[in-house]
Amino acid sequence: VLAIQIKYDDYKVRMKPAAYLCMILWRGLEIATRITTLVLFSTAIRFWVALVGLTNLFIFFFQPWVEFWARKASLPENIEKNFSKLGTTVVLCMVTFLYACINIFCWSAVQLDLADHDLVEKQPRWRSLAIYYTLRFMENVTLTVLWYYSKSDFYEYVCTPLLVVQLIVCYGLAVVFMLIFHQFCHPCRKLFHYNVEDCLRCSCCWWKRQSQPPEDHEDAPPDLTNHLTDRETDIVDDIMEAA
């Protein structure tokens, strides 16, 4: 809620009970399934969980900086008047580190824009949101399957297939509640240029277009432009001969 108020500080934000309910279910299921997956994976393959965590940390730490360098932007100057460029860089690194730690477990409500003086991305980034949840879902499924085939005898009296299914279904429900929140319960959804329905419809149209067979070129309508061009060329040649 604080992140929404920061993004839309020019508007009066009013949250309805349905929005709070969707946020609690969305964030609760997302974080719970993520932590459970990491804990279970660490009980089976202890050393690899550190590699998974560090990989996630480095990716999300350098992602805002890569976007910053790609834009060839300059550091914001109004973070603190008494800070030098080195001090500003240190503060931004600390903020980015916190941002990366949050993204290891859930989607950060505040997306960083290091070139902006508020350090906050104002517009919703639907593509980044879709990529994040797709890759996170695939990662959770992979870690859960690896744990299932490498688990110890401690889980002998636990129905592990049911546990795997529960983790996958709960994360899918978290994504569903996230979509419901942004489509129906977000207090500033009328300010979006595109909403969830538009993005899903665009994706469905793209997949449908890709699945259709290519059109036969023989059935294409004749191009009359070439005939007009040839006729104009013949007329010009006749005029030149007459001259």
C-alpha atoms as a PDB file:
ATOM      1  CA  VAL A   1       0.000   0.000   0.000  1.00  0.00           C
ATOM      2  CA  LEU A   2       2.878   2.348   0.766  1.00  0.00           C
ATOM      3  CA  ALA A   3       4.405   1.569  -2.619  1.00  0.00           C
ATOM      4  CA  ILE A   4       1.138   2.464  -4.358  1.00  0.00           C
ATOM      5  CA  GLN A   5       0.958   5.737  -2.429  1.00  0.00           C
ATOM      6  CA  ILE A   6       4.546   6.557  -3.426  1.00  0.00           C
ATOM      7  CA  LYS A   7       3.886   5.859  -7.099  1.00  0.00           C
ATOM      8  CA  TYR A   8       0.656   7.848  -7.217  1.00  0.00           C
ATOM      9  CA  ASP A   9       1.415  10.603  -4.721  1.00  0.00           C
ATOM     10  CA  ASP A  10      -0.596  13.112  -6.787  1.00  0.00           C
ATOM     11  CA  TYR A  11      -3.814  11.151  -6.252  1.00  0.00           C
ATOM     12  CA  LYS A  12      -5.808  10.209  -3.186  1.00  0.00           C
ATOM     13  CA  VAL A  13      -5.506   6.455  -2.812  1.00  0.00           C
ATOM     14  CA  ARG A  14      -8.437   4.605  -1.273  1.00  0.00           C
ATOM     15  CA  MET A  15      -8.152   0.879  -0.720  1.00  0.00           C
ATOM     16  CA  LYS A  16     -11.253  -1.305  -0.537  1.00  0.00           C
ATOM     17  CA  PRO A  17     -11.544  -4.438   1.637  1.00  0.00           C
ATOM     18  CA  ALA A  18     -11.489  -6.628  -1.485  1.00  0.00           C
ATOM     19  CA  ALA A  19      -8.128  -5.096  -2.451  1.00  0.00           C
ATOM     20  CA  TYR A  20      -6.649  -5.889   0.966  1.00  0.00           C
ATOM     21  CA  LEU A  21      -7.968  -9.446   0.749  1.00  0.00           C
ATOM     22  CA  CYS A  22      -6.436  -9.983  -2.710  1.00  0.00           C
ATOM     23  CA  MET A  23      -3.112  -8.522  -1.584  1.00  0.00           C
ATOM     24  CA  ILE A  24      -2.967 -10.709   1.533  1.00  0.00           C
ATOM     25  CA  LEU A  25      -3.759 -13.878  -0.428  1.00  0.00           C
ATOM     26  CA  TRP A  26      -1.411 -12.911  -3.263  1.00  0.00           C
ATOM     27  CA  ARG A  27       1.573 -12.024  -1.092  1.00  0.00           C
ATOM     28  CA  GLY A  28       0.923 -14.698   1.530  1.00  0.00           C
ATOM     29  CA  LEU A  29       0.778 -17.547  -0.978  1.00  0.00           C
ATOM     30  CA  GLU A  30       3.680 -16.192  -3.010  1.00  0.00           C
ATOM     31  CA  ILE A  31       6.097 -15.754  -0.095  1.00  0.00           C
ATOM     32  CA  ALA A  32       5.007 -18.914   1.740  1.00  0.00           C
ATOM     33  CA  THR A  33       5.469 -21.168  -1.290  1.00  0.00           C
ATOM     34  CA  ARG A  34       8.794 -19.542  -2.159  1.00  0.00           C
ATOM     35  CA  ILE A  35      10.241 -19.975   1.339  1.00  0.00           C
ATOM     36  CA  THR A  36       8.897 -23.531   1.619  1.00  0.00           C
ATOM     37  CA  THR A  37      10.457 -24.435  -1.720  1.00  0.00           C
ATOM     38  CA  LEU A  38      13.859 -23.042  -0.722  1.00  0.00           C
ATOM     39  CA  VAL A  39      13.741 -24.763   2.689  1.00  0.00           C
ATOM     40  CA  LEU A  40      12.816 -28.136   1.207  1.00  0.00           C
ATOM     41  CA  PHE A  41      15.488 -27.795  -1.463  1.00  0.00           C
ATOM     42  CA  SER A  42      18.099 -26.934   1.190  1.00  0.00           C
ATOM     43  CA  THR A  43      17.298 -30.115   3.143  1.00  0.00           C
ATOM     44  CA  ALA A  44      18.088 -32.272   0.112  1.00  0.00           C
ATOM     45  CA  ILE A  45      20.876 -30.333  -1.633  1.00  0.00           C
ATOM     46  CA  ARG A  46      22.426 -28.027   0.924  1.00  0.00           C
ATOM     47  CA  PHE A  47      25.252 -26.441  -1.028  1.00  0.00           C
ATOM     48  CA  TRP A  48      23.260 -25.687  -4.189  1.00  0.00           C
ATOM     49  CA  VAL A  49      20.709 -23.544  -2.356  1.00  0.00           C
ATOM     50  CA  ALA A  50      23.445 -20.971  -1.691  1.00  0.00           C
ATOM     51  CA  LEU A  51      24.209 -20.884  -5.411  1.00  0.00           C
ATOM     52  CA  VAL A  52      20.515 -20.384  -6.219  1.00  0.00           C
ATOM     53  CA  GLY A  53      20.227 -17.537  -3.718  1.00  0.00           C
ATOM     54  CA  LEU A  54      23.424 -15.784  -4.868  1.00  0.00           C
ATOM     55  CA  THR A  55      22.422 -16.097  -8.526  1.00  0.00           C
ATOM     56  CA  ASN A  56      19.068 -14.475  -7.811  1.00  0.00           C
ATOM     57  CA  LEU A  57      20.776 -11.781  -5.739  1.00  0.00           C
ATOM     58  CA  PHE A  58      23.282 -10.860  -8.452  1.00  0.00           C
ATOM     59  CA  ILE A  59      20.664 -10.831 -11.208  1.00  0.00           C
ATOM     60  CA  PHE A  60      18.294  -8.502  -9.366  1.00  0.00           C
ATOM     61  CA  PHE A  61      21.135  -6.357  -8.045  1.00  0.00           C
ATOM     62  CA  PHE A  62      22.627  -5.634 -11.465  1.00  0.00           C
ATOM     63  CA  GLN A  63      19.328  -5.430 -13.391  1.00  0.00           C
ATOM     64  CA  PRO A  64      18.569  -1.771 -12.412  1.00  0.00           C
ATOM     65  CA  TRP A  65      22.183  -0.799 -13.091  1.00  0.00           C
ATOM     66  CA  VAL A  66      22.194  -2.441 -16.522  1.00  0.00           C
ATOM     67  CA  GLU A  67      19.024  -0.520 -17.429  1.00  0.00           C
ATOM     68  CA  PHE A  68      20.644   2.653 -16.066  1.00  0.00           C
ATOM     69  CA  TRP A  69      23.774   2.185 -18.180  1.00  0.00           C
ATOM     70  CA  ALA A  70      21.729   1.214 -21.252  1.00  0.00           C
ATOM     71  CA  ARG A  71      19.881   4.528 -21.062  1.00  0.00           C
ATOM     72  CA  LYS A  72      23.214   6.371 -20.637  1.00  0.00           C
ATOM     73  CA  ALA A  73      21.609   8.359 -17.832  1.00  0.00           C
ATOM     74  CA  SER A  74      23.283  10.343 -15.072  1.00  0.00           C
ATOM     75  CA  LEU A  75      22.994   9.860 -11.322  1.00  0.00           C
ATOM     76  CA  PRO A  76      20.213  11.823  -9.598  1.00  0.00           C
ATOM     77  CA  GLU A  77      21.532  14.812  -7.681  1.00  0.00           C
ATOM     78  CA  ASN A  78      18.774  15.455  -5.147  1.00  0.00           C
ATOM     79  CA  ILE A  79      18.965  12.287  -3.043  1.00  0.00           C
ATOM     80  CA  GLU A  80      20.853  14.261  -0.409  1.00  0.00           C
ATOM     81  CA  LYS A  81      22.412  17.690  -0.915  1.00  0.00           C
ATOM     82  CA  ASN A  82      25.473  16.904   1.207  1.00  0.00           C
ATOM     83  CA  PHE A  83      26.311  13.697  -0.678  1.00  0.00           C
ATOM     84  CA  SER A  84      29.064  13.560  -3.269  1.00  0.00           C
ATOM     85  CA  LYS A  85      28.863  11.316  -6.318  1.00  0.00           C
ATOM     86  CA  LEU A  86      30.594   8.558  -4.370  1.00  0.00           C
ATOM     87  CA  GLY A  87      28.129   8.906  -1.491  1.00  0.00           C
ATOM     88  CA  THR A  88      25.198   8.880  -3.920  1.00  0.00           C
ATOM     89  CA  THR A  89      26.560   5.739  -5.565  1.00  0.00           C
ATOM     90  CA  VAL A  90      26.929   4.008  -2.187  1.00  0.00           C
ATOM     91  CA  VAL A  91      23.362   4.900  -1.208  1.00  0.00           C
ATOM     92  CA  LEU A  92      22.038   3.645  -4.547  1.00  0.00           C
ATOM     93  CA  CYS A  93      23.976   0.389  -4.130  1.00  0.00           C
ATOM     94  CA  MET A  94      22.426  -0.122  -0.696  1.00  0.00           C
ATOM     95  CA  VAL A  95      18.941   0.558  -2.065  1.00  0.00           C
ATOM     96  CA  THR A  96      19.576  -1.824  -4.963  1.00  0.00           C
ATOM     97  CA  PHE A  97      20.810  -4.499  -2.546  1.00  0.00           C
ATOM     98  CA  LEU A  98      17.579  -4.213  -0.531  1.00  0.00           C
ATOM     99  CA  TYR A  99      15.600  -4.361  -3.776  1.00  0.00           C
ATOM    100  CA  ALA A 100      17.460  -7.528  -4.825  1.00  0.00           C
ATOM    101  CA  CYS A 101      16.877  -9.215  -1.448  1.00  0.00           C
ATOM    102  CA  ILE A 102      13.132  -8.591  -1.703  1.00  0.00           C
ATOM    103  CA  ASN A 103      12.949  -9.953  -5.253  1.00  0.00           C
ATOM    104  CA  ILE A 104      14.506 -13.243  -4.178  1.00  0.00           C
ATOM    105  CA  PHE A 105      11.286 -14.083  -2.324  1.00  0.00           C
ATOM    106  CA  CYS A 106       8.579 -12.034  -4.064  1.00  0.00           C
ATOM    107  CA  TRP A 107       7.933  -9.382  -6.687  1.00  0.00           C
ATOM    108  CA  SER A 108       9.018  -6.022  -5.331  1.00  0.00           C
ATOM    109  CA  ALA A 109       6.133  -3.559  -5.173  1.00  0.00           C
ATOM    110  CA  VAL A 110       8.569  -0.718  -5.967  1.00  0.00           C
ATOM    111  CA  GLN A 111      10.529  -1.040  -9.200  1.00  0.00           C
ATOM    112  CA  LEU A 112      13.731   0.976  -9.241  1.00  0.00           C
ATOM    113  CA  ASP A 113      14.593   3.641 -11.789  1.00  0.00           C
ATOM    114  CA  LEU A 114      18.056   4.904 -10.858  1.00  0.00           C
ATOM    115  CA  ALA A 115      17.864   7.756 -13.362  1.00  0.00           C
ATOM    116  CA  ASP A 116      14.735   9.253 -11.747  1.00  0.00           C
ATOM    117  CA  HIS A 117      15.048  11.620  -8.793  1.00  0.00           C
ATOM    118  CA  ASP A 118      12.412   9.595  -6.885  1.00  0.00           C
ATOM    119  CA  LEU A 119      14.170   6.297  -7.732  1.00  0.00           C
ATOM    120  CA  VAL A 120      10.747   4.768  -8.441  1.00  0.00           C
ATOM    121  CA  GLU A 121       9.358   3.533 -11.737  1.00  0.00           C
ATOM    122  CA  LYS A 122       5.975   5.251 -12.078  1.00  0.00           C
ATOM    123  CA  GLN A 123       4.476   3.241 -14.938  1.00  0.00           C
ATOM    124  CA  PRO A 124       3.519  -0.435 -14.451  1.00  0.00           C
ATOM    125  CA  ARG A 125       5.866  -2.785 -16.271  1.00  0.00           C
ATOM    126  CA  TRP A 126       3.616  -5.590 -17.443  1.00  0.00           C
ATOM    127  CA  ARG A 127       6.291  -7.328 -19.501  1.00  0.00           C
ATOM    128  CA  SER A 128       8.738  -7.431 -16.590  1.00  0.00           C
ATOM    129  CA  LEU A 129       5.936  -8.668 -14.319  1.00  0.00           C
ATOM    130  CA  ALA A 130       5.052 -11.483 -16.723  1.00  0.00           C
ATOM    131  CA  ILE A 131       8.694 -12.496 -17.207  1.00  0.00           C
ATOM    132  CA  TYR A 132       9.334 -12.490 -13.460  1.00  0.00           C
ATOM    133  CA  TYR A 133       6.390 -14.711 -12.530  1.00  0.00           C
ATOM    134  CA  THR A 134       6.981 -17.069 -15.449  1.00  0.00           C
ATOM    135  CA  LEU A 135      10.639 -17.612 -14.582  1.00  0.00           C
ATOM    136  CA  ARG A 136       9.897 -17.784 -10.851  1.00  0.00           C
ATOM    137  CA  PHE A 137       7.218 -20.418 -11.414  1.00  0.00           C
ATOM    138  CA  MET A 138       9.620 -22.477 -13.532  1.00  0.00           C
ATOM    139  CA  GLU A 139      12.357 -22.117 -10.902  1.00  0.00           C
ATOM    140  CA  ASN A 140      10.061 -23.181  -8.060  1.00  0.00           C
ATOM    141  CA  VAL A 141       8.869 -26.214 -10.013  1.00  0.00           C
ATOM    142  CA  THR A 142      12.459 -27.194 -10.847  1.00  0.00           C
ATOM    143  CA  LEU A 143      13.627 -26.869  -7.233  1.00  0.00           C
ATOM    144  CA  THR A 144      10.626 -28.826  -5.966  1.00  0.00           C
ATOM    145  CA  VAL A 145      11.176 -31.645  -8.461  1.00  0.00           C
ATOM    146  CA  LEU A 146      14.880 -31.822  -7.592  1.00  0.00           C
ATOM    147  CA  TRP A 147      13.970 -32.029  -3.920  1.00  0.00           C
ATOM    148  CA  TYR A 148      11.424 -34.769  -4.643  1.00  0.00           C
ATOM    149  CA  TYR A 149      14.018 -36.996  -6.310  1.00  0.00           C
ATOM    150  CA  SER A 150      16.786 -36.192  -3.779  1.00  0.00           C
ATOM    151  CA  LYS A 151      14.812 -36.116  -0.534  1.00  0.00           C
ATOM    152  CA  SER A 152      16.046 -37.920   2.552  1.00  0.00           C
ATOM    153  CA  ASP A 153      14.325 -40.636   4.561  1.00  0.00           C
ATOM    154  CA  PHE A 154      12.962 -37.998   6.922  1.00  0.00           C
ATOM    155  CA  TYR A 155       9.993 -37.492   4.558  1.00  0.00           C
ATOM    156  CA  GLU A 156       9.175 -41.198   4.409  1.00  0.00           C
ATOM    157  CA  TYR A 157       5.884 -40.747   6.271  1.00  0.00           C
ATOM    158  CA  VAL A 158       4.892 -37.589   4.359  1.00  0.00           C
ATOM    159  CA  CYS A 159       2.864 -37.692   1.157  1.00  0.00           C
ATOM    160  CA  THR A 160       5.505 -35.918  -0.908  1.00  0.00           C
ATOM    161  CA  PRO A 161       3.621 -35.984  -4.266  1.00  0.00           C
ATOM    162  CA  LEU A 162       0.726 -34.178  -2.607  1.00  0.00           C
ATOM    163  CA  LEU A 163       3.146 -31.645  -1.123  1.00  0.00           C
ATOM    164  CA  VAL A 164       4.668 -30.972  -4.547  1.00  0.00           C
ATOM    165  CA  VAL A 165       1.215 -30.470  -6.068  1.00  0.00           C
ATOM    166  CA  GLN A 166       0.216 -28.153  -3.219  1.00  0.00           C
ATOM    167  CA  LEU A 167       3.272 -25.944  -3.730  1.00  0.00           C
ATOM    168  CA  ILE A 168       2.661 -25.659  -7.473  1.00  0.00           C
ATOM    169  CA  VAL A 169      -1.077 -24.979  -7.068  1.00  0.00           C
ATOM    170  CA  CYS A 170      -0.537 -22.411  -4.296  1.00  0.00           C
ATOM    171  CA  TYR A 171       1.924 -20.433  -6.392  1.00  0.00           C
ATOM    172  CA  GLY A 172      -0.500 -20.552  -9.311  1.00  0.00           C
ATOM    173  CA  LEU A 173      -3.230 -19.214  -7.016  1.00  0.00           C
ATOM    174  CA  ALA A 174      -0.896 -16.415  -5.944  1.00  0.00           C
ATOM    175  CA  VAL A 175      -0.525 -15.390  -9.594  1.00  0.00           C
ATOM    176  CA  VAL A 176      -4.308 -15.552 -10.056  1.00  0.00           C
ATOM    177  CA  PHE A 177      -4.947 -13.267  -7.071  1.00  0.00           C
ATOM    178  CA  MET A 178      -2.261 -10.902  -8.369  1.00  0.00           C
ATOM    179  CA  LEU A 179      -4.059 -10.660 -11.717  1.00  0.00           C
ATOM    180  CA  ILE A 180      -7.411 -10.119  -9.994  1.00  0.00           C
ATOM    181  CA  PHE A 181      -5.915  -7.345  -7.869  1.00  0.00           C
ATOM    182  CA  HIS A 182      -4.460  -5.432 -10.823  1.00  0.00           C
ATOM    183  CA  GLN A 183      -7.535  -5.931 -12.987  1.00  0.00           C
ATOM    184  CA  PHE A 184     -10.353  -5.189 -10.528  1.00  0.00           C
ATOM    185  CA  CYS A 185      -9.044  -4.044  -7.124  1.00  0.00           C
ATOM    186  CA  HIS A 186      -6.110  -1.728  -7.796  1.00  0.00           C
ATOM    187  CA  PRO A 187      -7.076   1.775  -6.568  1.00  0.00           C
ATOM    188  CA  CYS A 188      -5.408   3.485  -9.560  1.00  0.00           C
ATOM    189  CA  ARG A 189      -6.286   0.977 -12.278  1.00  0.00           C
ATOM    190  CA  LYS A 190      -8.041   3.699 -14.323  1.00  0.00           C
ATOM    191  CA  LEU A 191      -4.679   5.417 -14.781  1.00  0.00           C
ATOM    192  CA  PHE A 192      -3.155   2.377 -16.512  1.00  0.00           C
ATOM    193  CA  HIS A 193      -2.603   2.711 -20.246  1.00  0.00           C
ATOM    194  CA  TYR A 194      -2.994  -1.075 -20.468  1.00  0.00           C
ATOM    195  CA  ASN A 195      -4.491  -3.448 -17.932  1.00  0.00           C
ATOM    196  CA  VAL A 196      -4.182  -7.175 -17.400  1.00  0.00           C
ATOM    197  CA  GLU A 197      -7.021  -7.977 -19.798  1.00  0.00           C
ATOM    198  CA  ASP A 198      -5.353  -6.030 -22.614  1.00  0.00           C
ATOM    199  CA  CYS A 199      -2.040  -7.810 -22.056  1.00  0.00           C
ATOM    200  CA  LEU A 200      -3.664 -11.251 -21.978  1.00  0.00           C
ATOM    201  CA  ARG A 201      -5.698 -10.491 -25.081  1.00  0.00           C
ATOM    202  CA  CYS A 202      -2.591  -9.277 -26.900  1.00  0.00           C
ATOM    203  CA  SER A 203      -0.697 -12.424 -25.908  1.00  0.00           C
ATOM    204  CA  CYS A 204      -3.564 -14.667 -27.052  1.00  0.00           C
ATOM    205  CA  CYS A 205      -3.733 -12.864 -30.404  1.00  0.00           C
ATOM    206  CA  TRP A 206       0.017 -13.249 -30.839  1.00  0.00           C
ATOM    207  CA  TRP A 207      -0.086 -16.994 -30.121  1.00  0.00           C
ATOM    208  CA  LYS A 208      -3.081 -17.407 -32.416  1.00  0.00           C
ATOM    209  CA  ARG A 209      -1.273 -15.559 -35.192  1.00  0.00           C
ATOM    210  CA  GLN A 210       1.786 -17.752 -34.711  1.00  0.00           C
ATOM    211  CA  SER A 211      -0.265 -20.956 -34.823  1.00  0.00           C
ATOM    212  CA  GLN A 212      -2.019 -20.074 -38.096  1.00  0.00           C
ATOM    213  CA  PRO A 213      -0.433 -21.531 -41.280  1.00  0.00           C
ATOM    214  CA  PRO A 214       1.184 -19.044 -43.667  1.00  0.00           C
ATOM    215  CA  GLU A 215      -1.048 -17.761 -46.430  1.00  0.00           C
ATOM    216  CA  ASP A 216      -0.578 -19.076 -49.967  1.00  0.00           C
ATOM    217  CA  HIS A 217       0.961 -16.461 -52.194  1.00  0.00           C
ATOM    218  CA  GLU A 218      -1.020 -17.709 -55.212  1.00  0.00           C
ATOM    219  CA  ASP A 219      -4.280 -16.558 -53.637  1.00  0.00           C
ATOM    220  CA  ALA A 220      -2.970 -13.055 -52.996  1.00  0.00           C
ATOM    221  CA  PRO A 221      -4.729 -10.277 -54.947  1.00  0.00           C
ATOM    222  CA  PRO A 222      -2.858  -9.009 -58.009  1.00  0.00           C
ATOM    223  CA  ASP A 223      -0.681  -5.972 -57.562  1.00  0.00           C
ATOM    224  CA  LEU A 224      -2.042  -3.290 -59.886  1.00  0.00           C
ATOM    225  CA  THR A 225       0.716  -0.855 -59.031  1.00  0.00           C
ATOM    226  CA  ASN A 226       3.214  -2.584 -61.299  1.00  0.00           C
ATOM    227  CA  HIS A 227       0.842  -2.368 -64.281  1.00  0.00           C
ATOM    228  CA  LEU A 228       0.299   1.323 -63.681  1.00  0.00           C
ATOM    229  CA  THR A 229       4.045   1.871 -63.456  1.00  0.00           C
ATOM    230  CA  ASP A 230       4.666  -0.013 -66.721  1.00  0.00           C
ATOM    231  CA  ARG A 231       1.920   1.971 -68.470  1.00  0.00           C
ATOM    232  CA  GLU A 232       3.366   5.276 -67.290  1.00  0.00           C
ATOM    233  CA  THR A 233       6.801   4.181 -68.540  1.00  0.00           C
ATOM    234  CA  ASP A 234       5.380   3.324 -71.997  1.00  0.00           C
ATOM    235  CA  ILE A 235       3.655   6.716 -72.229  1.00  0.00           C
ATOM    236  CA  VAL A 236       6.881   8.534 -71.326  1.00  0.00           C
ATOM    237  CA  ASP A 237       8.795   6.527 -73.954  1.00  0.00           C
ATOM    238  CA  ASP A 238       6.196   7.409 -76.632  1.00  0.00           C
ATOM    239  CA  ILE A 239       6.460  11.091 -75.782  1.00  0.00           C
ATOM    240  CA  MET A 240      10.269  10.978 -75.987  1.00  0.00           C
ATOM    241  CA  GLU A 241      10.137   9.243 -79.385  1.00  0.00           C
ATOM    242  CA  ALA A 242       7.655  11.816 -80.702  1.00  0.00           C
ATOM    243  CA  ALA A 243       9.900  14.629 -79.525  1.00  0.00           C
END
